[in-house]
Amino acid sequence: MSRYCPECKHNFSDEFDECGYCGSELLEGTIEIQDIENDKPIYEMSDMEILEKYSDYRKRIEEQTGHQMTDAEFLCGIKEARRDSLSHKVDTYLKDNQENSINIPKCPICQSTNIEKISVVSKAGSVVKNGIVTTVNLIFKWR
């Protein structure tokens, strides 16, 4: 089970008891950014909107590190963290789907799964039959 922060709307693993951004107590479950009213995902926000929304988070980081961050440093850090989060979600999704998928052969033309393996005898018979038909057709064309 996962946890989320009701204040800043971030998801966390079970290992955390409080939000790493605002320090609020985490609740059980997950939250989707798209489900929050009037709240855009970070990739749809302008730089100014990001700076305003995460100003408290920026202050806490600066207090903890004792280093004043420029706007560019902070924006790069926030966007990189979001990219890492999305990359992790994609990797997890792909891993889960690979484990659950079954390799079922399909017809390359119609994508049907109603196929049969062709035996060596069938292949050889087809070659012989087509060879005889082709030879007969050639003989009659030449006459």
C-alpha atoms as a PDB file:
ATOM      1  CA  MET A   1       0.000   0.000   0.000  1.00  0.00           C
ATOM      2  CA  SER A   2       1.156   3.558  -0.666  1.00  0.00           C
ATOM      3  CA  ARG A   3       0.697   6.815   1.144  1.00  0.00           C
ATOM      4  CA  TYR A   4       0.027  10.380   0.028  1.00  0.00           C
ATOM      5  CA  CYS A   5       0.206  13.897   1.404  1.00  0.00           C
ATOM      6  CA  PRO A   6      -3.208  15.600   1.648  1.00  0.00           C
ATOM      7  CA  GLU A   7      -1.560  19.050   1.600  1.00  0.00           C
ATOM      8  CA  CYS A   8       0.813  19.039  -1.360  1.00  0.00           C
ATOM      9  CA  LYS A   9      -0.702  16.035  -3.198  1.00  0.00           C
ATOM     10  CA  HIS A  10       2.426  13.870  -3.576  1.00  0.00           C
ATOM     11  CA  ASN A  11       2.553  10.066  -3.386  1.00  0.00           C
ATOM     12  CA  PHE A  12       5.043   8.270  -1.137  1.00  0.00           C
ATOM     13  CA  SER A  13       5.979   4.684  -0.328  1.00  0.00           C
ATOM     14  CA  ASP A  14       5.067   2.982   2.947  1.00  0.00           C
ATOM     15  CA  GLU A  15       8.520   3.777   4.304  1.00  0.00           C
ATOM     16  CA  PHE A  16       7.550   7.407   4.998  1.00  0.00           C
ATOM     17  CA  ASP A  17       5.354   8.680   7.827  1.00  0.00           C
ATOM     18  CA  GLU A  18       5.473  12.363   6.909  1.00  0.00           C
ATOM     19  CA  CYS A  19       5.666  14.368   3.687  1.00  0.00           C
ATOM     20  CA  GLY A  20       9.169  15.203   2.525  1.00  0.00           C
ATOM     21  CA  TYR A  21       7.896  18.466   1.028  1.00  0.00           C
ATOM     22  CA  CYS A  22       5.659  20.004   3.701  1.00  0.00           C
ATOM     23  CA  GLY A  23       6.065  17.743   6.758  1.00  0.00           C
ATOM     24  CA  SER A  24       2.363  16.791   6.954  1.00  0.00           C
ATOM     25  CA  GLU A  25       1.292  13.368   8.174  1.00  0.00           C
ATOM     26  CA  LEU A  26       0.701  10.982   5.257  1.00  0.00           C
ATOM     27  CA  LEU A  27      -2.592   9.196   4.632  1.00  0.00           C
ATOM     28  CA  GLU A  28      -3.059   5.655   3.309  1.00  0.00           C
ATOM     29  CA  GLY A  29      -3.695   5.323  -0.445  1.00  0.00           C
ATOM     30  CA  THR A  30      -2.564   7.161  -3.555  1.00  0.00           C
ATOM     31  CA  ILE A  31      -3.651  10.345  -5.248  1.00  0.00           C
ATOM     32  CA  GLU A  32      -3.680  11.144  -8.949  1.00  0.00           C
ATOM     33  CA  ILE A  33      -2.688  14.667  -9.945  1.00  0.00           C
ATOM     34  CA  GLN A  34      -5.356  14.750 -12.659  1.00  0.00           C
ATOM     35  CA  ASP A  35      -8.080  14.070 -10.046  1.00  0.00           C
ATOM     36  CA  ILE A  36      -7.348  17.263  -8.116  1.00  0.00           C
ATOM     37  CA  GLU A  37      -9.665  20.149  -9.030  1.00  0.00           C
ATOM     38  CA  ASN A  38      -7.998  23.280 -10.456  1.00  0.00           C
ATOM     39  CA  ASP A  39      -4.554  21.718 -10.088  1.00  0.00           C
ATOM     40  CA  LYS A  40      -2.476  21.258 -13.219  1.00  0.00           C
ATOM     41  CA  PRO A  41       0.289  18.668 -13.534  1.00  0.00           C
ATOM     42  CA  ILE A  42       3.756  20.198 -13.256  1.00  0.00           C
ATOM     43  CA  TYR A  43       4.500  19.692 -16.971  1.00  0.00           C
ATOM     44  CA  GLU A  44       1.550  21.986 -17.828  1.00  0.00           C
ATOM     45  CA  MET A  45       2.608  24.748 -15.424  1.00  0.00           C
ATOM     46  CA  SER A  46       4.677  27.797 -16.301  1.00  0.00           C
ATOM     47  CA  ASP A  47       7.914  28.444 -14.433  1.00  0.00           C
ATOM     48  CA  MET A  48       6.241  31.227 -12.435  1.00  0.00           C
ATOM     49  CA  GLU A  49       3.388  28.912 -11.398  1.00  0.00           C
ATOM     50  CA  ILE A  50       5.890  26.299 -10.237  1.00  0.00           C
ATOM     51  CA  LEU A  51       7.858  28.865  -8.242  1.00  0.00           C
ATOM     52  CA  GLU A  52       4.660  30.101  -6.551  1.00  0.00           C
ATOM     53  CA  LYS A  53       3.210  26.659  -5.829  1.00  0.00           C
ATOM     54  CA  TYR A  54       6.423  25.203  -4.385  1.00  0.00           C
ATOM     55  CA  SER A  55       7.741  28.316  -2.601  1.00  0.00           C
ATOM     56  CA  ASP A  56       7.283  26.722   0.856  1.00  0.00           C
ATOM     57  CA  TYR A  57       9.087  23.599  -0.286  1.00  0.00           C
ATOM     58  CA  ARG A  58      11.920  25.734  -1.661  1.00  0.00           C
ATOM     59  CA  LYS A  59      12.261  27.577   1.675  1.00  0.00           C
ATOM     60  CA  ARG A  60      12.513  24.280   3.587  1.00  0.00           C
ATOM     61  CA  ILE A  61      15.211  23.015   1.224  1.00  0.00           C
ATOM     62  CA  GLU A  62      17.169  26.239   1.615  1.00  0.00           C
ATOM     63  CA  GLU A  63      16.856  26.061   5.416  1.00  0.00           C
ATOM     64  CA  GLN A  64      18.031  22.453   5.493  1.00  0.00           C
ATOM     65  CA  THR A  65      20.960  22.984   3.136  1.00  0.00           C
ATOM     66  CA  GLY A  66      21.886  26.498   4.278  1.00  0.00           C
ATOM     67  CA  HIS A  67      22.186  27.486   0.608  1.00  0.00           C
ATOM     68  CA  GLN A  68      20.069  30.020  -1.293  1.00  0.00           C
ATOM     69  CA  MET A  69      18.888  28.514  -4.581  1.00  0.00           C
ATOM     70  CA  THR A  70      18.458  30.476  -7.772  1.00  0.00           C
ATOM     71  CA  ASP A  71      15.147  30.144  -9.598  1.00  0.00           C
ATOM     72  CA  ALA A  72      16.880  28.139 -12.334  1.00  0.00           C
ATOM     73  CA  GLU A  73      18.426  25.691  -9.834  1.00  0.00           C
ATOM     74  CA  PHE A  74      15.099  25.137  -8.119  1.00  0.00           C
ATOM     75  CA  LEU A  75      13.147  24.710 -11.379  1.00  0.00           C
ATOM     76  CA  CYS A  76      15.703  22.244 -12.731  1.00  0.00           C
ATOM     77  CA  GLY A  77      15.557  20.249  -9.496  1.00  0.00           C
ATOM     78  CA  ILE A  78      11.745  20.128  -9.437  1.00  0.00           C
ATOM     79  CA  LYS A  79      11.498  19.140 -13.110  1.00  0.00           C
ATOM     80  CA  GLU A  80      14.227  16.517 -12.736  1.00  0.00           C
ATOM     81  CA  ALA A  81      12.449  15.011  -9.718  1.00  0.00           C
ATOM     82  CA  ARG A  82       9.200  14.880 -11.728  1.00  0.00           C
ATOM     83  CA  ARG A  83      11.006  13.251 -14.672  1.00  0.00           C
ATOM     84  CA  ASP A  84      12.568  10.661 -12.349  1.00  0.00           C
ATOM     85  CA  SER A  85       9.167   9.959 -10.807  1.00  0.00           C
ATOM     86  CA  LEU A  86       7.543   9.461 -14.219  1.00  0.00           C
ATOM     87  CA  SER A  87      10.463   7.345 -15.421  1.00  0.00           C
ATOM     88  CA  HIS A  88      10.107   5.110 -12.359  1.00  0.00           C
ATOM     89  CA  LYS A  89       6.345   4.763 -12.981  1.00  0.00           C
ATOM     90  CA  VAL A  90       6.937   3.826 -16.631  1.00  0.00           C
ATOM     91  CA  ASP A  91       9.627   1.295 -15.691  1.00  0.00           C
ATOM     92  CA  THR A  92       7.335  -0.264 -13.085  1.00  0.00           C
ATOM     93  CA  TYR A  93       4.432  -0.393 -15.556  1.00  0.00           C
ATOM     94  CA  LEU A  94       6.567  -2.043 -18.257  1.00  0.00           C
ATOM     95  CA  LYS A  95       8.011  -4.547 -15.792  1.00  0.00           C
ATOM     96  CA  ASP A  96       4.546  -5.484 -14.484  1.00  0.00           C
ATOM     97  CA  ASN A  97       3.141  -5.884 -17.990  1.00  0.00           C
ATOM     98  CA  GLN A  98       6.086  -7.992 -19.177  1.00  0.00           C
ATOM     99  CA  GLU A  99       5.620 -10.385 -16.270  1.00  0.00           C
ATOM    100  CA  ASN A 100       1.880 -10.689 -16.945  1.00  0.00           C
ATOM    101  CA  SER A 101       2.047 -11.023 -20.725  1.00  0.00           C
ATOM    102  CA  ILE A 102       1.967 -14.401 -22.438  1.00  0.00           C
ATOM    103  CA  ASN A 103       3.768 -14.843 -25.718  1.00  0.00           C
ATOM    104  CA  ILE A 104       1.034 -16.055 -28.075  1.00  0.00           C
ATOM    105  CA  PRO A 105       2.006 -16.427 -31.732  1.00  0.00           C
ATOM    106  CA  LYS A 106      -0.197 -14.651 -34.274  1.00  0.00           C
ATOM    107  CA  CYS A 107      -0.628 -14.705 -38.014  1.00  0.00           C
ATOM    108  CA  PRO A 108       1.523 -11.881 -39.413  1.00  0.00           C
ATOM    109  CA  ILE A 109      -1.152 -11.014 -41.985  1.00  0.00           C
ATOM    110  CA  CYS A 110      -4.488 -11.118 -40.118  1.00  0.00           C
ATOM    111  CA  GLN A 111      -3.246 -11.227 -36.471  1.00  0.00           C
ATOM    112  CA  SER A 112      -5.369 -14.335 -35.812  1.00  0.00           C
ATOM    113  CA  THR A 113      -4.283 -16.637 -32.986  1.00  0.00           C
ATOM    114  CA  ASN A 114      -6.012 -19.612 -34.666  1.00  0.00           C
ATOM    115  CA  ILE A 115      -2.835 -21.023 -36.213  1.00  0.00           C
ATOM    116  CA  GLU A 116      -1.170 -24.427 -36.490  1.00  0.00           C
ATOM    117  CA  LYS A 117       2.433 -25.451 -36.747  1.00  0.00           C
ATOM    118  CA  ILE A 118       3.368 -26.692 -40.214  1.00  0.00           C
ATOM    119  CA  SER A 119       5.158 -30.042 -40.138  1.00  0.00           C
ATOM    120  CA  VAL A 120       8.250 -30.846 -42.184  1.00  0.00           C
ATOM    121  CA  VAL A 121       6.248 -33.377 -44.211  1.00  0.00           C
ATOM    122  CA  SER A 122       3.641 -30.716 -45.075  1.00  0.00           C
ATOM    123  CA  LYS A 123       6.365 -28.292 -46.157  1.00  0.00           C
ATOM    124  CA  ALA A 124       8.053 -30.913 -48.346  1.00  0.00           C
ATOM    125  CA  GLY A 125       4.714 -31.977 -49.866  1.00  0.00           C
ATOM    126  CA  SER A 126       3.890 -28.369 -50.678  1.00  0.00           C
ATOM    127  CA  VAL A 127       7.236 -27.861 -52.408  1.00  0.00           C
ATOM    128  CA  VAL A 128       6.826 -31.055 -54.431  1.00  0.00           C
ATOM    129  CA  LYS A 129       3.219 -30.247 -55.361  1.00  0.00           C
ATOM    130  CA  ASN A 130       4.036 -26.660 -56.373  1.00  0.00           C
ATOM    131  CA  GLY A 131       7.061 -27.852 -58.290  1.00  0.00           C
ATOM    132  CA  ILE A 132       4.967 -30.359 -60.290  1.00  0.00           C
ATOM    133  CA  VAL A 133       2.218 -27.808 -60.971  1.00  0.00           C
ATOM    134  CA  THR A 134       4.785 -25.235 -62.114  1.00  0.00           C
ATOM    135  CA  THR A 135       6.506 -27.775 -64.342  1.00  0.00           C
ATOM    136  CA  VAL A 136       3.191 -28.867 -65.911  1.00  0.00           C
ATOM    137  CA  ASN A 137       2.198 -25.245 -66.507  1.00  0.00           C
ATOM    138  CA  LEU A 138       5.524 -24.529 -68.212  1.00  0.00           C
ATOM    139  CA  ILE A 139       5.202 -27.589 -70.479  1.00  0.00           C
ATOM    140  CA  PHE A 140       1.719 -26.612 -71.644  1.00  0.00           C
ATOM    141  CA  LYS A 141       2.742 -22.985 -72.232  1.00  0.00           C
ATOM    142  CA  TRP A 142       5.611 -24.046 -74.489  1.00  0.00           C
ATOM    143  CA  ARG A 143       3.389 -26.132 -76.717  1.00  0.00           C
END
